[in-house]
Amino acid sequence: VGNVEARELLNGVADVVVTDGFTGNAVLK
């Protein structure tokens, strides 16, 4: 479904979000 910004992650815009491990870990924290 395309790109998604970090601020939209918790709004239910996707069922699966992919990113590199460095960015993903930073977003999770």
PDB file of all heavy atoms in Angstrom:
ATOM      1  N   VAL A   1       0.815  -1.222   0.000  1.00  0.00           N
ATOM      2  CA  VAL A   1       0.000   0.000   0.000  1.00  0.00           C
ATOM      3  C   VAL A   1       0.846   1.268   0.000  1.00  0.00           C
ATOM      4  O   VAL A   1       0.320   2.366   0.149  1.00  0.00           O
ATOM      5  CB  VAL A   1      -0.971   0.008   1.208  1.00  0.00           C
ATOM      6  CG1 VAL A   1      -1.975  -1.128   1.089  1.00  0.00           C
ATOM      7  CG2 VAL A   1      -0.209  -0.084   2.535  1.00  0.00           C
ATOM      8  N   GLY A   2       2.176   1.119  -0.164  1.00  0.00           N
ATOM      9  CA  GLY A   2       3.033   2.284  -0.298  1.00  0.00           C
ATOM     10  C   GLY A   2       3.778   2.673   0.957  1.00  0.00           C
ATOM     11  O   GLY A   2       3.895   1.891   1.913  1.00  0.00           O
ATOM     12  N   ASN A   3       4.285   3.905   0.966  1.00  0.00           N
ATOM     13  CA  ASN A   3       5.044   4.423   2.101  1.00  0.00           C
ATOM     14  C   ASN A   3       4.129   4.839   3.243  1.00  0.00           C
ATOM     15  O   ASN A   3       2.982   5.262   3.021  1.00  0.00           O
ATOM     16  CB  ASN A   3       5.871   5.642   1.670  1.00  0.00           C
ATOM     17  CG  ASN A   3       7.022   5.272   0.748  1.00  0.00           C
ATOM     18  OD1 ASN A   3       7.617   4.202   0.887  1.00  0.00           O
ATOM     19  ND2 ASN A   3       7.348   6.153  -0.190  1.00  0.00           N
ATOM     20  N   VAL A   4       4.656   4.767   4.456  1.00  0.00           N
ATOM     21  CA  VAL A   4       3.949   5.259   5.631  1.00  0.00           C
ATOM     22  C   VAL A   4       4.941   5.998   6.513  1.00  0.00           C
ATOM     23  O   VAL A   4       6.106   5.602   6.627  1.00  0.00           O
ATOM     24  CB  VAL A   4       3.280   4.098   6.408  1.00  0.00           C
ATOM     25  CG1 VAL A   4       4.314   3.108   6.936  1.00  0.00           C
ATOM     26  CG2 VAL A   4       2.434   4.621   7.557  1.00  0.00           C
ATOM     27  N   GLU A   5       4.495   7.105   7.111  1.00  0.00           N
ATOM     28  CA  GLU A   5       5.346   7.862   8.019  1.00  0.00           C
ATOM     29  C   GLU A   5       5.203   7.341   9.447  1.00  0.00           C
ATOM     30  O   GLU A   5       4.169   6.767   9.805  1.00  0.00           O
ATOM     31  CB  GLU A   5       4.984   9.348   7.963  1.00  0.00           C
ATOM     32  CG  GLU A   5       5.263   9.991   6.623  1.00  0.00           C
ATOM     33  CD  GLU A   5       4.958  11.477   6.626  1.00  0.00           C
ATOM     34  OE1 GLU A   5       5.837  12.258   7.046  1.00  0.00           O
ATOM     35  OE2 GLU A   5       3.850  11.853   6.222  1.00  0.00           O
ATOM     36  N   ALA A   6       6.225   7.558  10.252  1.00  0.00           N
ATOM     37  CA  ALA A   6       6.244   7.037  11.620  1.00  0.00           C
ATOM     38  C   ALA A   6       5.063   7.536  12.442  1.00  0.00           C
ATOM     39  O   ALA A   6       4.515   6.808  13.280  1.00  0.00           O
ATOM     40  CB  ALA A   6       7.553   7.415  12.307  1.00  0.00           C
ATOM     41  N   ARG A   7       4.624   8.780  12.213  1.00  0.00           N
ATOM     42  CA  ARG A   7       3.530   9.336  13.010  1.00  0.00           C
ATOM     43  C   ARG A   7       2.190   8.646  12.751  1.00  0.00           C
ATOM     44  O   ARG A   7       1.240   8.793  13.529  1.00  0.00           O
ATOM     45  CB  ARG A   7       3.388  10.831  12.716  1.00  0.00           C
ATOM     46  CG  ARG A   7       2.981  11.166  11.285  1.00  0.00           C
ATOM     47  CD  ARG A   7       2.912  12.654  11.058  1.00  0.00           C
ATOM     48  NE  ARG A   7       2.561  12.982   9.680  1.00  0.00           N
ATOM     49  CZ  ARG A   7       2.471  14.220   9.207  1.00  0.00           C
ATOM     50  NH1 ARG A   7       2.736  15.238  10.017  1.00  0.00           N
ATOM     51  NH2 ARG A   7       2.137  14.440   7.956  1.00  0.00           N
ATOM     52  N   GLU A   8       2.096   7.880  11.655  1.00  0.00           N
ATOM     53  CA  GLU A   8       0.848   7.201  11.309  1.00  0.00           C
ATOM     54  C   GLU A   8       0.822   5.736  11.733  1.00  0.00           C
ATOM     55  O   GLU A   8      -0.188   5.058  11.553  1.00  0.00           O
ATOM     56  CB  GLU A   8       0.620   7.279   9.785  1.00  0.00           C
ATOM     57  CG  GLU A   8       0.481   8.689   9.245  1.00  0.00           C
ATOM     58  CD  GLU A   8      -0.760   9.395   9.753  1.00  0.00           C
ATOM     59  OE1 GLU A   8      -1.742   8.705  10.101  1.00  0.00           O
ATOM     60  OE2 GLU A   8      -0.760  10.642   9.808  1.00  0.00           O
ATOM     61  N   LEU A   9       1.911   5.242  12.296  1.00  0.00           N
ATOM     62  CA  LEU A   9       2.014   3.814  12.585  1.00  0.00           C
ATOM     63  C   LEU A   9       0.892   3.292  13.478  1.00  0.00           C
ATOM     64  O   LEU A   9       0.379   2.190  13.269  1.00  0.00           O
ATOM     65  CB  LEU A   9       3.372   3.502  13.236  1.00  0.00           C
ATOM     66  CG  LEU A   9       4.598   3.566  12.319  1.00  0.00           C
ATOM     67  CD1 LEU A   9       5.865   3.293  13.110  1.00  0.00           C
ATOM     68  CD2 LEU A   9       4.469   2.582  11.166  1.00  0.00           C
ATOM     69  N   LEU A  10       0.523   4.068  14.497  1.00  0.00           N
ATOM     70  CA  LEU A  10      -0.469   3.598  15.477  1.00  0.00           C
ATOM     71  C   LEU A  10      -1.900   3.898  15.058  1.00  0.00           C
ATOM     72  O   LEU A  10      -2.829   3.709  15.840  1.00  0.00           O
ATOM     73  CB  LEU A  10      -0.183   4.217  16.844  1.00  0.00           C
ATOM     74  CG  LEU A  10       1.214   3.970  17.427  1.00  0.00           C
ATOM     75  CD1 LEU A  10       1.309   4.546  18.836  1.00  0.00           C
ATOM     76  CD2 LEU A  10       1.556   2.488  17.444  1.00  0.00           C
ATOM     77  N   ASN A  11      -2.077   4.357  13.817  1.00  0.00           N
ATOM     78  CA  ASN A  11      -3.414   4.717  13.335  1.00  0.00           C
ATOM     79  C   ASN A  11      -4.067   3.639  12.478  1.00  0.00           C
ATOM     80  O   ASN A  11      -5.105   3.869  11.863  1.00  0.00           O
ATOM     81  CB  ASN A  11      -3.354   6.030  12.538  1.00  0.00           C
ATOM     82  CG  ASN A  11      -2.990   7.214  13.421  1.00  0.00           C
ATOM     83  OD1 ASN A  11      -3.215   7.197  14.626  1.00  0.00           O
ATOM     84  ND2 ASN A  11      -2.427   8.256  12.820  1.00  0.00           N
ATOM     85  N   GLY A  12      -3.438   2.469  12.401  1.00  0.00           N
ATOM     86  CA  GLY A  12      -4.037   1.363  11.663  1.00  0.00           C
ATOM     87  C   GLY A  12      -3.956   1.480  10.163  1.00  0.00           C
ATOM     88  O   GLY A  12      -4.814   0.949   9.445  1.00  0.00           O
ATOM     89  N   VAL A  13      -2.914   2.140   9.645  1.00  0.00           N
ATOM     90  CA  VAL A  13      -2.795   2.357   8.198  1.00  0.00           C
ATOM     91  C   VAL A  13      -2.268   1.123   7.467  1.00  0.00           C
ATOM     92  O   VAL A  13      -2.332   1.054   6.235  1.00  0.00           O
ATOM     93  CB  VAL A  13      -1.881   3.563   7.892  1.00  0.00           C
ATOM     94  CG1 VAL A  13      -2.523   4.846   8.375  1.00  0.00           C
ATOM     95  CG2 VAL A  13      -0.500   3.383   8.518  1.00  0.00           C
ATOM     96  N   ALA A  14      -1.729   0.158   8.194  1.00  0.00           N
ATOM     97  CA  ALA A  14      -1.190  -1.053   7.560  1.00  0.00           C
ATOM     98  C   ALA A  14      -1.242  -2.209   8.545  1.00  0.00           C
ATOM     99  O   ALA A  14      -1.334  -2.014   9.759  1.00  0.00           O
ATOM    100  CB  ALA A  14       0.241  -0.818   7.087  1.00  0.00           C
ATOM    101  N   ASP A  15      -1.195  -3.423   8.011  1.00  0.00           N
ATOM    102  CA  ASP A  15      -1.153  -4.631   8.846  1.00  0.00           C
ATOM    103  C   ASP A  15       0.279  -5.108   9.059  1.00  0.00           C
ATOM    104  O   ASP A  15       0.568  -5.809  10.019  1.00  0.00           O
ATOM    105  CB  ASP A  15      -1.963  -5.749   8.186  1.00  0.00           C
ATOM    106  CG  ASP A  15      -3.407  -5.348   7.964  1.00  0.00           C
ATOM    107  OD1 ASP A  15      -4.079  -5.016   8.956  1.00  0.00           O
ATOM    108  OD2 ASP A  15      -3.853  -5.362   6.795  1.00  0.00           O
ATOM    109  N   VAL A  16       1.163  -4.714   8.135  1.00  0.00           N
ATOM    110  CA  VAL A  16       2.585  -5.072   8.201  1.00  0.00           C
ATOM    111  C   VAL A  16       3.392  -3.834   7.805  1.00  0.00           C
ATOM    112  O   VAL A  16       3.081  -3.199   6.794  1.00  0.00           O
ATOM    113  CB  VAL A  16       2.936  -6.234   7.251  1.00  0.00           C
ATOM    114  CG1 VAL A  16       4.434  -6.530   7.290  1.00  0.00           C
ATOM    115  CG2 VAL A  16       2.134  -7.485   7.601  1.00  0.00           C
ATOM    116  N   VAL A  17       4.403  -3.500   8.594  1.00  0.00           N
ATOM    117  CA  VAL A  17       5.277  -2.370   8.275  1.00  0.00           C
ATOM    118  C   VAL A  17       6.709  -2.881   8.233  1.00  0.00           C
ATOM    119  O   VAL A  17       7.172  -3.542   9.164  1.00  0.00           O
ATOM    120  CB  VAL A  17       5.157  -1.245   9.321  1.00  0.00           C
ATOM    121  CG1 VAL A  17       6.149  -0.120   9.020  1.00  0.00           C
ATOM    122  CG2 VAL A  17       3.739  -0.700   9.360  1.00  0.00           C
ATOM    123  N   VAL A  18       7.418  -2.580   7.124  1.00  0.00           N
ATOM    124  CA  VAL A  18       8.798  -3.045   6.985  1.00  0.00           C
ATOM    125  C   VAL A  18       9.760  -1.866   7.020  1.00  0.00           C
ATOM    126  O   VAL A  18       9.457  -0.774   6.548  1.00  0.00           O
ATOM    127  CB  VAL A  18       9.000  -3.855   5.686  1.00  0.00           C
ATOM    128  CG1 VAL A  18       8.116  -5.078   5.694  1.00  0.00           C
ATOM    129  CG2 VAL A  18       8.716  -3.019   4.455  1.00  0.00           C
ATOM    130  N   THR A  19      10.932  -2.126   7.605  1.00  0.00           N
ATOM    131  CA  THR A  19      11.987  -1.121   7.689  1.00  0.00           C
ATOM    132  C   THR A  19      13.304  -1.825   7.997  1.00  0.00           C
ATOM    133  O   THR A  19      13.325  -3.031   8.271  1.00  0.00           O
ATOM    134  CB  THR A  19      11.667  -0.073   8.772  1.00  0.00           C
ATOM    135  OG1 THR A  19      12.663   0.957   8.758  1.00  0.00           O
ATOM    136  CG2 THR A  19      11.648  -0.705  10.163  1.00  0.00           C
ATOM    137  N   ASP A  20      14.407  -1.077   7.952  1.00  0.00           N
ATOM    138  CA  ASP A  20      15.693  -1.665   8.323  1.00  0.00           C
ATOM    139  C   ASP A  20      15.772  -1.812   9.836  1.00  0.00           C
ATOM    140  O   ASP A  20      15.031  -1.158  10.583  1.00  0.00           O
ATOM    141  CB  ASP A  20      16.838  -0.796   7.811  1.00  0.00           C
ATOM    142  CG  ASP A  20      16.854   0.575   8.461  1.00  0.00           C
ATOM    143  OD1 ASP A  20      16.167   1.477   7.940  1.00  0.00           O
ATOM    144  OD2 ASP A  20      17.528   0.742   9.493  1.00  0.00           O
ATOM    145  N   GLY A  21      16.672  -2.671  10.313  1.00  0.00           N
ATOM    146  CA  GLY A  21      16.749  -2.982  11.734  1.00  0.00           C
ATOM    147  C   GLY A  21      17.108  -1.808  12.619  1.00  0.00           C
ATOM    148  O   GLY A  21      16.591  -1.692  13.735  1.00  0.00           O
ATOM    149  N   PHE A  22      17.977  -0.927  12.155  1.00  0.00           N
ATOM    150  CA  PHE A  22      18.373   0.230  12.960  1.00  0.00           C
ATOM    151  C   PHE A  22      17.179   1.149  13.180  1.00  0.00           C
ATOM    152  O   PHE A  22      16.872   1.542  14.306  1.00  0.00           O
ATOM    153  CB  PHE A  22      19.505   0.993  12.258  1.00  0.00           C
ATOM    154  CG  PHE A  22      19.998   2.184  13.038  1.00  0.00           C
ATOM    155  CD1 PHE A  22      21.017   2.050  13.963  1.00  0.00           C
ATOM    156  CD2 PHE A  22      19.431   3.436  12.850  1.00  0.00           C
ATOM    157  CE1 PHE A  22      21.479   3.144  14.695  1.00  0.00           C
ATOM    158  CE2 PHE A  22      19.877   4.540  13.568  1.00  0.00           C
ATOM    159  CZ  PHE A  22      20.905   4.389  14.485  1.00  0.00           C
ATOM    160  N   THR A  23      16.483   1.488  12.093  1.00  0.00           N
ATOM    161  CA  THR A  23      15.321   2.373  12.189  1.00  0.00           C
ATOM    162  C   THR A  23      14.200   1.721  12.986  1.00  0.00           C
ATOM    163  O   THR A  23      13.575   2.359  13.841  1.00  0.00           O
ATOM    164  CB  THR A  23      14.807   2.733  10.780  1.00  0.00           C
ATOM    165  OG1 THR A  23      15.866   3.331  10.031  1.00  0.00           O
ATOM    166  CG2 THR A  23      13.643   3.699  10.858  1.00  0.00           C
ATOM    167  N   GLY A  24      13.956   0.445  12.732  1.00  0.00           N
ATOM    168  CA  GLY A  24      12.887  -0.260  13.434  1.00  0.00           C
ATOM    169  C   GLY A  24      13.089  -0.291  14.924  1.00  0.00           C
ATOM    170  O   GLY A  24      12.149  -0.087  15.698  1.00  0.00           O
ATOM    171  N   ASN A  25      14.332  -0.541  15.348  1.00  0.00           N
ATOM    172  CA  ASN A  25      14.620  -0.581  16.777  1.00  0.00           C
ATOM    173  C   ASN A  25      14.440   0.790  17.410  1.00  0.00           C
ATOM    174  O   ASN A  25      13.897   0.904  18.513  1.00  0.00           O
ATOM    175  CB  ASN A  25      16.041  -1.096  17.008  1.00  0.00           C
ATOM    176  CG  ASN A  25      16.322  -1.373  18.467  1.00  0.00           C
ATOM    177  OD1 ASN A  25      16.855  -0.533  19.180  1.00  0.00           O
ATOM    178  ND2 ASN A  25      15.947  -2.558  18.927  1.00  0.00           N
ATOM    179  N   ALA A  26      14.874   1.844  16.697  1.00  0.00           N
ATOM    180  CA  ALA A  26      14.719   3.205  17.213  1.00  0.00           C
ATOM    181  C   ALA A  26      13.244   3.578  17.341  1.00  0.00           C
ATOM    182  O   ALA A  26      12.825   4.193  18.338  1.00  0.00           O
ATOM    183  CB  ALA A  26      15.438   4.191  16.300  1.00  0.00           C
ATOM    184  N   VAL A  27      12.438   3.202  16.355  1.00  0.00           N
ATOM    185  CA  VAL A  27      10.999   3.487  16.398  1.00  0.00           C
ATOM    186  C   VAL A  27      10.336   2.728  17.540  1.00  0.00           C
ATOM    187  O   VAL A  27       9.501   3.277  18.275  1.00  0.00           O
ATOM    188  CB  VAL A  27      10.338   3.121  15.053  1.00  0.00           C
ATOM    189  CG1 VAL A  27       8.816   3.155  15.152  1.00  0.00           C
ATOM    190  CG2 VAL A  27      10.797   4.079  13.962  1.00  0.00           C
ATOM    191  N   LEU A  28      10.702   1.452  17.703  1.00  0.00           N
ATOM    192  CA  LEU A  28      10.141   0.644  18.789  1.00  0.00           C
ATOM    193  C   LEU A  28      10.427   1.275  20.144  1.00  0.00           C
ATOM    194  O   LEU A  28       9.527   1.411  20.988  1.00  0.00           O
ATOM    195  CB  LEU A  28      10.717  -0.774  18.741  1.00  0.00           C
ATOM    196  CG  LEU A  28      10.313  -1.701  19.896  1.00  0.00           C
ATOM    197  CD1 LEU A  28       8.826  -1.994  19.858  1.00  0.00           C
ATOM    198  CD2 LEU A  28      11.121  -3.003  19.838  1.00  0.00           C
ATOM    199  N   LYS A  29      11.694   1.683  20.366  1.00  0.00           N
ATOM    200  CA  LYS A  29      12.054   2.290  21.641  1.00  0.00           C
ATOM    201  C   LYS A  29      11.334   3.630  21.843  1.00  0.00           C
ATOM    202  O   LYS A  29      10.979   3.989  22.968  1.00  0.00           O
ATOM    203  CB  LYS A  29      13.577   2.490  21.705  1.00  0.00           C
ATOM    204  CG  LYS A  29      14.389   1.191  21.632  1.00  0.00           C
ATOM    205  CD  LYS A  29      14.137   0.314  22.843  1.00  0.00           C
ATOM    206  CE  LYS A  29      14.796  -1.065  22.702  1.00  0.00           C
ATOM    207  NZ  LYS A  29      16.241  -1.006  22.518  1.00  0.00           N
TER     208      LYS A  29
END
